[in-house]
Amino acid sequence: MARTKSCQTDDPCPSDVPVIPRLSRPRGLRRRAGILVCVDAAPGDSTVSRRASARRYLMCPPEYFDVTYAINPWMRPEVPTDLARVHAQWEALRAVYLGLGHQVELVEPVPGLPDMVYAANGGLVVDDVAVGARFRYPQRRAEADHYLDWFRGAGMRRVHAPSYVNEGEGDFLPVGGVVLAGTGFRTEPRAHAEVAGVLGRRVLTLELVDPRFYHLDTALCVLTEDLVAYYPAAFSARSNALLQETFPGALTVSEREAVAFALNAVSDGLHVVISADAVGFASTLRDHGFIPVGVATDEIRRGGGGAKCCTLELRPAG
């Protein structure tokens, strides 16, 4: 049996960590596809009982990923992309999901669509109903049809092609019986009403004001059906008031954590897959009864997305 070593959240991960084959009971450090994965040994002393539930995700392999244009503040086309590292980080992320017992479906990547790897932007799926995306920038618009085709081929109960600009789970995050909806940079407010009508759910509009956090899923993450975490300065004063009223027990993060893409995270109710750089948020999560799983996404983030951006949840009916 390989020797394990605990990962302290304020220490850098060593480079000589042995491979440990299973993630079903996260502990210590792992190496997946050559990329280090840091996993806290156990949740903290929180009295709240957390439970994981099996999820179904859609991802797109980064076969054609590159940064060749700039449509958000994180993209720098003049800096060469380390494509081998992008592939390794994406494979490590998928391996984490599979190791935690989740199902991962794949959509075929398409030449000329480098941002298609950010599957979360391809649509929104709730109760086996898929709402497709309609991208703001021309560089991404062709992605929408490919995701709609995948939804139709997957036998969804209903597939809706949208009339207004929306960028899928980038700006729509279901939590409990409502959907939190971002606007300000990408998704237009008219799309919020459209999604509410299609899904039959209440939609709460949140205005983003910092261009670094151009999608809602870069500034807020859903942890459980009644708990979220967010970066207050990314939102307007009115939206902050709405978040405080709706989620009085919400967790908040600092700017340092936010720019490390701490909130571009994926939770199954117990395990929270986050950026390995978000050490402060990892500590906060542990203190609240979660098990943070840190995955390196620094090269993937050069396109403006992290773990959540690469992951679209396929929520079944019921």
Protein backbone atom coordinates (compact mmCIF):
# COMPACT_ATOMS: atom_id res chain seq x y z
CA MET A 1 0.00 0.00 0.00
CA ALA A 2 1.39 3.37 -0.94
CA ARG A 3 2.40 5.65 1.89
CA THR A 4 0.20 8.71 2.36
CA LYS A 5 1.06 12.17 3.54
CA SER A 6 -1.39 14.76 4.83
CA CYS A 7 -1.76 17.96 2.84
CA GLN A 8 -1.74 21.10 4.95
CA THR A 9 -3.72 23.81 3.16
CA ASP A 10 -1.09 26.49 3.77
CA ASP A 11 1.84 24.39 2.50
CA PRO A 12 2.87 23.79 -1.11
CA CYS A 13 2.24 20.25 -2.30
CA PRO A 14 5.45 18.21 -2.71
CA SER A 15 6.38 16.78 -6.09
CA ASP A 16 7.30 13.25 -4.97
CA VAL A 17 3.91 12.07 -3.76
CA PRO A 18 3.04 8.40 -4.54
CA VAL A 19 -0.09 7.47 -6.45
CA ILE A 20 -3.03 6.37 -4.31
CA PRO A 21 -5.59 4.50 -6.40
CA ARG A 22 -8.97 5.47 -4.89
CA LEU A 23 -10.70 8.74 -4.13
CA SER A 24 -13.85 7.29 -2.59
CA ARG A 25 -12.47 8.17 0.82
CA PRO A 26 -10.30 11.20 0.06
CA ARG A 27 -7.11 11.40 2.05
CA GLY A 28 -3.79 13.15 1.60
CA LEU A 29 -2.38 13.73 -1.84
CA ARG A 30 -2.91 12.10 -5.23
CA ARG A 31 -1.35 12.44 -8.62
CA ARG A 32 -3.78 12.16 -11.53
CA ALA A 33 -2.49 12.31 -15.11
CA GLY A 34 0.70 13.89 -13.79
CA ILE A 35 -1.16 16.69 -11.98
CA LEU A 36 -1.15 16.86 -8.21
CA VAL A 37 -4.51 16.69 -6.49
CA CYS A 38 -4.64 17.88 -2.87
CA VAL A 39 -7.39 16.36 -0.74
CA ASP A 40 -8.07 17.20 2.88
CA ALA A 41 -8.13 14.12 5.07
CA ALA A 42 -11.46 14.87 6.75
CA PRO A 43 -13.97 17.63 7.34
CA GLY A 44 -13.44 19.90 10.31
CA ASP A 45 -15.29 20.08 13.59
CA SER A 46 -18.54 21.42 12.13
CA THR A 47 -21.63 19.98 13.77
CA VAL A 48 -23.40 19.99 10.39
CA SER A 49 -23.70 16.58 8.76
CA ARG A 50 -22.81 16.65 5.06
CA ARG A 51 -23.74 13.96 2.56
CA ALA A 52 -22.50 13.40 -0.98
CA SER A 53 -24.89 12.50 -3.76
CA ALA A 54 -23.94 10.94 -7.08
CA ARG A 55 -23.99 13.43 -9.94
CA ARG A 56 -23.94 13.25 -13.73
CA TYR A 57 -21.67 15.70 -15.53
CA LEU A 58 -20.97 16.70 -19.12
CA MET A 59 -17.42 17.62 -20.12
CA CYS A 60 -15.65 18.41 -23.38
CA PRO A 61 -12.05 17.20 -23.95
CA PRO A 62 -9.61 20.07 -24.61
CA GLU A 63 -8.53 18.67 -27.97
CA TYR A 64 -8.61 22.10 -29.65
CA PHE A 65 -8.14 24.34 -26.63
CA ASP A 66 -5.92 27.37 -27.11
CA VAL A 67 -5.93 31.07 -26.25
CA THR A 68 -5.98 32.80 -29.63
CA TYR A 69 -8.24 35.76 -28.83
CA ALA A 70 -9.25 37.78 -25.77
CA ILE A 71 -12.90 38.05 -24.73
CA ASN A 72 -12.32 38.25 -20.97
CA PRO A 73 -9.62 39.80 -18.75
CA TRP A 74 -7.89 36.46 -18.13
CA MET A 75 -7.08 35.70 -21.77
CA ARG A 76 -3.63 36.69 -23.07
CA PRO A 77 -3.11 35.35 -26.60
CA GLU A 78 0.48 36.60 -26.65
CA VAL A 79 1.44 34.00 -24.00
CA PRO A 80 1.91 30.49 -25.44
CA THR A 81 -0.44 27.84 -24.10
CA ASP A 82 1.05 24.69 -22.56
CA LEU A 83 -1.31 22.26 -24.28
CA ALA A 84 0.17 19.18 -22.61
CA ARG A 85 -0.50 20.71 -19.20
CA VAL A 86 -4.05 21.67 -20.21
CA HIS A 87 -4.77 18.06 -21.19
CA ALA A 88 -3.22 16.72 -17.99
CA GLN A 89 -5.23 19.10 -15.80
CA TRP A 90 -8.47 18.29 -17.59
CA GLU A 91 -7.84 14.54 -17.30
CA ALA A 92 -7.07 14.96 -13.60
CA LEU A 93 -10.35 16.78 -13.08
CA ARG A 94 -12.32 14.06 -14.84
CA ALA A 95 -10.48 11.39 -12.83
CA VAL A 96 -11.50 13.12 -9.60
CA TYR A 97 -15.18 13.03 -10.59
CA LEU A 98 -15.00 9.38 -11.54
CA GLY A 99 -13.11 8.55 -8.36
CA LEU A 100 -15.82 10.21 -6.30
CA GLY A 101 -18.42 7.99 -7.96
CA HIS A 102 -19.89 10.50 -10.40
CA GLN A 103 -20.80 9.83 -14.02
CA VAL A 104 -19.04 11.83 -16.72
CA GLU A 105 -20.46 12.15 -20.23
CA LEU A 106 -18.40 13.64 -23.06
CA VAL A 107 -19.37 15.96 -25.89
CA GLU A 108 -17.20 15.78 -29.00
CA PRO A 109 -14.80 18.74 -29.33
CA VAL A 110 -14.91 20.68 -32.61
CA PRO A 111 -11.96 22.21 -34.50
CA GLY A 112 -11.96 25.99 -34.40
CA LEU A 113 -13.89 26.18 -31.13
CA PRO A 114 -11.14 26.40 -28.48
CA ASP A 115 -13.50 27.46 -25.65
CA MET A 116 -15.81 24.49 -26.10
CA VAL A 117 -13.88 22.86 -23.24
CA TYR A 118 -15.89 25.13 -20.92
CA ALA A 119 -18.91 22.83 -21.02
CA ALA A 120 -20.79 24.69 -18.28
CA ASN A 121 -21.42 27.51 -20.75
CA GLY A 122 -23.11 25.15 -23.22
CA GLY A 123 -26.48 25.12 -21.48
CA LEU A 124 -28.50 24.50 -18.34
CA VAL A 125 -30.15 21.18 -17.46
CA VAL A 126 -32.78 20.94 -14.71
CA ASP A 127 -35.35 18.14 -14.29
CA ASP A 128 -34.15 16.58 -17.56
CA VAL A 129 -35.03 19.80 -19.43
CA ALA A 130 -32.15 21.40 -21.34
CA VAL A 131 -31.96 25.10 -22.12
CA GLY A 132 -29.34 25.72 -24.76
CA ALA A 133 -26.86 28.59 -24.85
CA ARG A 134 -26.75 31.68 -27.04
CA PHE A 135 -23.29 33.19 -26.81
CA ARG A 136 -22.58 36.92 -26.75
CA TYR A 137 -19.26 36.86 -28.60
CA PRO A 138 -19.02 35.64 -32.21
CA GLN A 139 -15.96 33.52 -31.41
CA ARG A 140 -18.16 31.17 -29.36
CA ARG A 141 -21.52 31.26 -31.11
CA ALA A 142 -21.01 28.06 -33.09
CA GLU A 143 -20.64 26.09 -29.84
CA ALA A 144 -24.34 26.46 -29.10
CA ASP A 145 -25.55 24.14 -31.88
CA HIS A 146 -23.13 21.39 -30.90
CA TYR A 147 -24.38 21.39 -27.32
CA LEU A 148 -28.00 21.49 -28.47
CA ASP A 149 -27.31 18.48 -30.68
CA TRP A 150 -25.80 16.64 -27.73
CA PHE A 151 -28.83 17.38 -25.54
CA ARG A 152 -31.18 16.11 -28.24
CA GLY A 153 -29.12 12.97 -28.72
CA ALA A 154 -29.11 12.34 -24.98
CA GLY A 155 -32.90 12.02 -24.97
CA MET A 156 -33.71 14.95 -22.74
CA ARG A 157 -37.39 15.37 -21.83
CA ARG A 158 -37.30 18.75 -23.52
CA VAL A 159 -34.63 20.79 -25.32
CA HIS A 160 -35.16 24.54 -25.66
CA ALA A 161 -33.20 26.69 -28.12
CA PRO A 162 -33.08 30.15 -26.51
CA SER A 163 -34.14 33.46 -28.03
CA TYR A 164 -31.92 35.67 -25.85
CA VAL A 165 -28.24 35.71 -24.99
CA ASN A 166 -27.42 33.33 -22.16
CA GLU A 167 -24.24 31.44 -21.38
CA GLY A 168 -25.63 28.39 -19.64
CA GLU A 169 -24.42 27.45 -16.19
CA GLY A 170 -21.86 30.18 -16.48
CA ASP A 171 -24.69 32.51 -15.47
CA PHE A 172 -27.45 30.17 -14.21
CA LEU A 173 -26.91 28.25 -10.96
CA PRO A 174 -29.82 26.22 -9.52
CA VAL A 175 -29.99 26.10 -5.74
CA GLY A 176 -32.92 24.62 -3.89
CA GLY A 177 -36.07 25.53 -5.77
CA VAL A 178 -34.70 28.69 -7.38
CA VAL A 179 -32.17 29.58 -10.05
CA LEU A 180 -29.59 32.29 -9.40
CA ALA A 181 -28.98 34.20 -12.63
CA GLY A 182 -26.06 36.49 -13.44
CA THR A 183 -26.05 39.48 -15.74
CA GLY A 184 -23.84 42.46 -16.42
CA PHE A 185 -21.29 41.09 -18.87
CA ARG A 186 -22.67 38.10 -20.80
CA THR A 187 -26.22 36.87 -20.18
CA GLU A 188 -28.91 39.47 -20.81
CA PRO A 189 -31.77 40.02 -18.33
CA ARG A 190 -34.42 38.94 -20.85
CA ALA A 191 -32.88 35.47 -20.76
CA HIS A 192 -33.68 35.26 -17.04
CA ALA A 193 -37.41 35.49 -17.73
CA GLU A 194 -37.04 33.03 -20.59
CA VAL A 195 -35.36 30.44 -18.38
CA ALA A 196 -37.94 30.96 -15.64
CA GLY A 197 -40.71 30.24 -18.14
CA VAL A 198 -39.04 27.13 -19.58
CA LEU A 199 -38.12 25.58 -16.23
CA GLY A 200 -41.08 26.81 -14.21
CA ARG A 201 -38.75 28.01 -11.47
CA ARG A 202 -38.21 31.32 -9.75
CA VAL A 203 -35.15 33.11 -11.07
CA LEU A 204 -33.24 35.64 -8.94
CA THR A 205 -31.26 38.21 -10.91
CA LEU A 206 -27.77 39.08 -9.66
CA GLU A 207 -25.77 41.89 -11.25
CA LEU A 208 -22.03 41.39 -11.72
CA VAL A 209 -19.92 44.57 -11.65
CA ASP A 210 -16.28 43.40 -11.80
CA PRO A 211 -15.18 42.31 -15.32
CA ARG A 212 -12.79 39.74 -13.86
CA PHE A 213 -15.88 37.88 -12.71
CA TYR A 214 -17.81 38.05 -15.94
CA HIS A 215 -19.83 34.88 -15.30
CA LEU A 216 -21.79 34.12 -12.14
CA ASP A 217 -19.93 30.84 -11.64
CA THR A 218 -16.66 32.73 -11.20
CA ALA A 219 -18.10 34.77 -8.31
CA LEU A 220 -20.48 32.32 -6.61
CA CYS A 221 -20.68 28.58 -6.07
CA VAL A 222 -23.52 26.39 -4.84
CA LEU A 223 -22.43 24.10 -2.00
CA THR A 224 -25.75 22.52 -0.94
CA GLU A 225 -29.44 23.07 -1.60
CA ASP A 226 -29.45 25.93 0.92
CA LEU A 227 -25.86 27.14 1.11
CA VAL A 228 -23.72 29.18 -1.28
CA ALA A 229 -20.35 30.91 -1.17
CA TYR A 230 -19.60 34.14 -3.00
CA TYR A 231 -17.27 37.12 -3.42
CA PRO A 232 -19.25 40.22 -2.36
CA ALA A 233 -17.25 42.78 -4.34
CA ALA A 234 -18.17 41.06 -7.60
CA PHE A 235 -21.81 42.11 -7.15
CA SER A 236 -23.75 45.35 -7.08
CA ALA A 237 -24.99 46.66 -3.74
CA ARG A 238 -28.54 45.58 -4.56
CA SER A 239 -27.43 42.07 -5.45
CA ASN A 240 -25.37 41.82 -2.25
CA ALA A 241 -28.46 42.73 -0.26
CA LEU A 242 -30.46 40.05 -2.10
CA LEU A 243 -27.81 37.41 -1.42
CA GLN A 244 -27.66 38.32 2.27
CA GLU A 245 -31.43 38.13 2.55
CA THR A 246 -31.75 34.86 0.65
CA PHE A 247 -28.70 33.10 2.13
CA PRO A 248 -28.02 34.61 5.58
CA GLY A 249 -25.56 31.84 6.39
CA ALA A 250 -23.62 32.09 3.13
CA LEU A 251 -19.83 31.83 3.08
CA THR A 252 -17.78 34.65 1.59
CA VAL A 253 -14.24 34.74 0.23
CA SER A 254 -11.53 37.37 -0.06
CA GLU A 255 -10.32 38.92 -3.30
CA ARG A 256 -7.19 36.78 -3.10
CA GLU A 257 -9.28 33.62 -3.08
CA ALA A 258 -11.66 34.90 -5.72
CA VAL A 259 -8.91 35.65 -8.26
CA ALA A 260 -7.55 32.12 -7.64
CA PHE A 261 -10.94 30.92 -8.99
CA ALA A 262 -11.88 29.54 -5.57
CA LEU A 263 -15.57 29.89 -6.40
CA ASN A 264 -15.41 28.18 -9.78
CA ALA A 265 -16.06 25.01 -7.82
CA VAL A 266 -18.18 21.87 -8.04
CA SER A 267 -19.90 20.40 -4.97
CA ASP A 268 -21.67 17.07 -4.50
CA GLY A 269 -22.89 18.10 -1.05
CA LEU A 270 -19.79 16.85 0.78
CA HIS A 271 -16.79 16.99 -1.55
CA VAL A 272 -16.05 20.36 -3.14
CA VAL A 273 -13.71 20.29 -6.13
CA ILE A 274 -11.84 23.60 -6.13
CA SER A 275 -8.73 25.25 -7.49
CA ALA A 276 -5.63 23.90 -5.74
CA ASP A 277 -4.55 27.53 -5.30
CA ALA A 278 -7.58 28.36 -3.14
CA VAL A 279 -6.03 27.30 0.16
CA GLY A 280 -8.00 29.77 2.27
CA PHE A 281 -11.33 28.65 0.87
CA ALA A 282 -10.30 25.03 1.40
CA SER A 283 -9.80 25.77 5.08
CA THR A 284 -13.18 27.52 5.30
CA LEU A 285 -14.91 24.58 3.63
CA ARG A 286 -13.30 22.11 6.01
CA ASP A 287 -14.44 24.19 8.97
CA HIS A 288 -18.01 23.93 7.68
CA GLY A 289 -18.03 20.16 7.31
CA PHE A 290 -17.00 19.80 3.67
CA ILE A 291 -14.10 17.89 2.16
CA PRO A 292 -12.28 20.19 -0.28
CA VAL A 293 -10.57 18.53 -3.24
CA GLY A 294 -8.03 20.85 -4.80
CA VAL A 295 -7.19 20.27 -8.46
CA ALA A 296 -4.61 22.25 -10.42
CA THR A 297 -6.36 24.30 -13.12
CA ASP A 298 -3.91 27.16 -13.65
CA GLU A 299 -3.35 26.43 -17.35
CA ILE A 300 -7.04 25.85 -18.03
CA ARG A 301 -7.72 29.19 -16.30
CA ARG A 302 -5.75 31.01 -18.98
CA GLY A 303 -8.96 30.92 -21.01
CA GLY A 304 -10.95 32.35 -18.12
CA GLY A 305 -12.41 29.17 -16.62
CA GLY A 306 -11.66 26.58 -13.96
CA ALA A 307 -13.18 23.37 -12.65
CA LYS A 308 -16.81 24.51 -12.76
CA CYS A 309 -16.46 26.04 -16.22
CA CYS A 310 -15.37 22.63 -17.49
CA THR A 311 -18.34 20.90 -15.88
CA LEU A 312 -22.03 21.04 -16.81
CA GLU A 313 -24.32 19.21 -14.39
CA LEU A 314 -27.05 17.09 -15.96
CA ARG A 315 -29.84 17.17 -13.38
CA PRO A 316 -32.43 14.39 -13.78
CA ALA A 317 -36.18 14.76 -13.38
CA GLY A 318 -37.52 14.40 -9.85
